[in-house]
Amino acid sequence: MKAYRDGDVVYLTGHCRVEDAETLAALLQPSEGVIVDISGCDSLHAAVVQVLLAFDAPVVGEPAESFLRDRLLAALIRKVD
């Protein structure tokens, strides 16, 4: 996974593996006002999904990978104010 934070946006790209969950948690702190863009993701390990759900950060972007886009995105998407 390549993950980086640019201001209030955390970008996730590539294959997000179990060992990336801790990195993501660190990038999401402090989480107030942070948005996560998953448009560059190829896969998300369940541990990474759990971090996204635990921090309740808005998730935006539409990944090209069909399972993420068609099945998982609806569970992760949060309204951005």
C-alpha atoms as a PDB file:
ATOM      1  CA  MET A   1       0.000   0.000   0.000  1.00  0.00           C
ATOM      2  CA  LYS A   2       1.071   3.476  -0.642  1.00  0.00           C
ATOM      3  CA  ALA A   3      -0.703   5.728   1.806  1.00  0.00           C
ATOM      4  CA  TYR A   4      -0.125   9.399   2.383  1.00  0.00           C
ATOM      5  CA  ARG A   5      -1.925  12.336   3.878  1.00  0.00           C
ATOM      6  CA  ASP A   6      -2.222  15.633   2.058  1.00  0.00           C
ATOM      7  CA  GLY A   7      -3.947  18.089   4.370  1.00  0.00           C
ATOM      8  CA  ASP A   8      -7.263  16.559   5.396  1.00  0.00           C
ATOM      9  CA  VAL A   9      -7.220  13.796   2.753  1.00  0.00           C
ATOM     10  CA  VAL A  10      -5.639  10.369   3.216  1.00  0.00           C
ATOM     11  CA  TYR A  11      -4.987   8.613  -0.096  1.00  0.00           C
ATOM     12  CA  LEU A  12      -4.828   4.808  -0.247  1.00  0.00           C
ATOM     13  CA  THR A  13      -3.384   3.127  -3.327  1.00  0.00           C
ATOM     14  CA  GLY A  14      -2.435  -0.371  -4.404  1.00  0.00           C
ATOM     15  CA  HIS A  15      -2.984  -3.481  -2.296  1.00  0.00           C
ATOM     16  CA  CYS A  16      -3.766  -2.539   1.301  1.00  0.00           C
ATOM     17  CA  ARG A  17      -2.588  -5.482   3.423  1.00  0.00           C
ATOM     18  CA  VAL A  18      -3.024  -6.409   7.088  1.00  0.00           C
ATOM     19  CA  GLU A  19       0.268  -4.758   8.062  1.00  0.00           C
ATOM     20  CA  ASP A  20      -0.997  -1.477   6.591  1.00  0.00           C
ATOM     21  CA  ALA A  21      -3.811  -1.143   9.149  1.00  0.00           C
ATOM     22  CA  GLU A  22      -1.489   0.378  11.758  1.00  0.00           C
ATOM     23  CA  THR A  23      -0.070   2.861   9.245  1.00  0.00           C
ATOM     24  CA  LEU A  24      -3.580   3.901   8.248  1.00  0.00           C
ATOM     25  CA  ALA A  25      -4.598   4.358  11.886  1.00  0.00           C
ATOM     26  CA  ALA A  26      -1.611   6.662  12.402  1.00  0.00           C
ATOM     27  CA  LEU A  27      -2.509   8.692   9.301  1.00  0.00           C
ATOM     28  CA  LEU A  28      -6.073   9.107  10.515  1.00  0.00           C
ATOM     29  CA  GLN A  29      -5.048  10.709  13.813  1.00  0.00           C
ATOM     30  CA  PRO A  30      -6.448  13.199  14.509  1.00  0.00           C
ATOM     31  CA  SER A  31      -9.433  11.998  12.526  1.00  0.00           C
ATOM     32  CA  GLU A  32     -11.729  15.008  12.768  1.00  0.00           C
ATOM     33  CA  GLY A  33     -12.262  16.415   9.285  1.00  0.00           C
ATOM     34  CA  VAL A  34     -10.170  13.737   7.544  1.00  0.00           C
ATOM     35  CA  ILE A  35     -11.451  12.176   4.305  1.00  0.00           C
ATOM     36  CA  VAL A  36     -10.098   8.888   2.901  1.00  0.00           C
ATOM     37  CA  ASP A  37      -9.809   8.540  -0.882  1.00  0.00           C
ATOM     38  CA  ILE A  38      -9.774   4.888  -1.993  1.00  0.00           C
ATOM     39  CA  SER A  39      -9.992   5.496  -5.739  1.00  0.00           C
ATOM     40  CA  GLY A  40      -6.461   4.112  -6.190  1.00  0.00           C
ATOM     41  CA  CYS A  41      -7.007   0.903  -4.189  1.00  0.00           C
ATOM     42  CA  ASP A  42      -6.631  -2.524  -5.764  1.00  0.00           C
ATOM     43  CA  SER A  43      -7.625  -4.417  -2.601  1.00  0.00           C
ATOM     44  CA  LEU A  44      -8.411  -3.752   1.057  1.00  0.00           C
ATOM     45  CA  HIS A  45      -7.618  -6.283   3.789  1.00  0.00           C
ATOM     46  CA  ALA A  46     -10.352  -6.698   6.411  1.00  0.00           C
ATOM     47  CA  ALA A  47      -8.055  -5.114   9.025  1.00  0.00           C
ATOM     48  CA  VAL A  48      -7.806  -1.959   6.901  1.00  0.00           C
ATOM     49  CA  VAL A  49     -11.587  -1.934   6.487  1.00  0.00           C
ATOM     50  CA  GLN A  50     -11.953  -2.231  10.278  1.00  0.00           C
ATOM     51  CA  VAL A  51      -9.697   0.801  10.772  1.00  0.00           C
ATOM     52  CA  LEU A  52     -11.796   2.787   8.292  1.00  0.00           C
ATOM     53  CA  LEU A  53     -14.966   1.804  10.125  1.00  0.00           C
ATOM     54  CA  ALA A  54     -13.493   2.446  13.583  1.00  0.00           C
ATOM     55  CA  PHE A  55     -12.355   5.962  12.714  1.00  0.00           C
ATOM     56  CA  ASP A  56     -15.625   6.665  10.879  1.00  0.00           C
ATOM     57  CA  ALA A  57     -13.820   8.892   8.389  1.00  0.00           C
ATOM     58  CA  PRO A  58     -15.726   9.732   5.212  1.00  0.00           C
ATOM     59  CA  VAL A  59     -14.593   7.477   2.353  1.00  0.00           C
ATOM     60  CA  VAL A  60     -14.660   8.825  -1.188  1.00  0.00           C
ATOM     61  CA  GLY A  61     -13.533   7.668  -4.606  1.00  0.00           C
ATOM     62  CA  GLU A  62     -14.466   4.786  -6.834  1.00  0.00           C
ATOM     63  CA  PRO A  63     -11.855   2.046  -7.117  1.00  0.00           C
ATOM     64  CA  ALA A  64     -11.400   0.311 -10.475  1.00  0.00           C
ATOM     65  CA  GLU A  65     -11.387  -3.139  -8.827  1.00  0.00           C
ATOM     66  CA  SER A  66     -14.897  -4.540  -9.244  1.00  0.00           C
ATOM     67  CA  PHE A  67     -15.349  -6.167  -5.803  1.00  0.00           C
ATOM     68  CA  LEU A  68     -14.339  -2.985  -3.998  1.00  0.00           C
ATOM     69  CA  ARG A  69     -16.468  -0.824  -6.247  1.00  0.00           C
ATOM     70  CA  ASP A  70     -19.567  -3.025  -6.427  1.00  0.00           C
ATOM     71  CA  ARG A  71     -19.670  -4.680  -2.998  1.00  0.00           C
ATOM     72  CA  LEU A  72     -17.528  -2.957  -0.391  1.00  0.00           C
ATOM     73  CA  LEU A  73     -17.834   0.702  -1.343  1.00  0.00           C
ATOM     74  CA  ALA A  74     -21.459   0.930  -0.220  1.00  0.00           C
ATOM     75  CA  ALA A  75     -20.486  -0.229   3.276  1.00  0.00           C
ATOM     76  CA  LEU A  76     -17.612   2.277   3.534  1.00  0.00           C
ATOM     77  CA  ILE A  77     -19.049   5.357   1.893  1.00  0.00           C
ATOM     78  CA  ARG A  78     -19.789   8.230   4.252  1.00  0.00           C
ATOM     79  CA  LYS A  79     -21.448  11.496   3.430  1.00  0.00           C
ATOM     80  CA  VAL A  80     -18.992  14.350   3.134  1.00  0.00           C
ATOM     81  CA  ASP A  81     -20.388  17.644   4.436  1.00  0.00           C
END
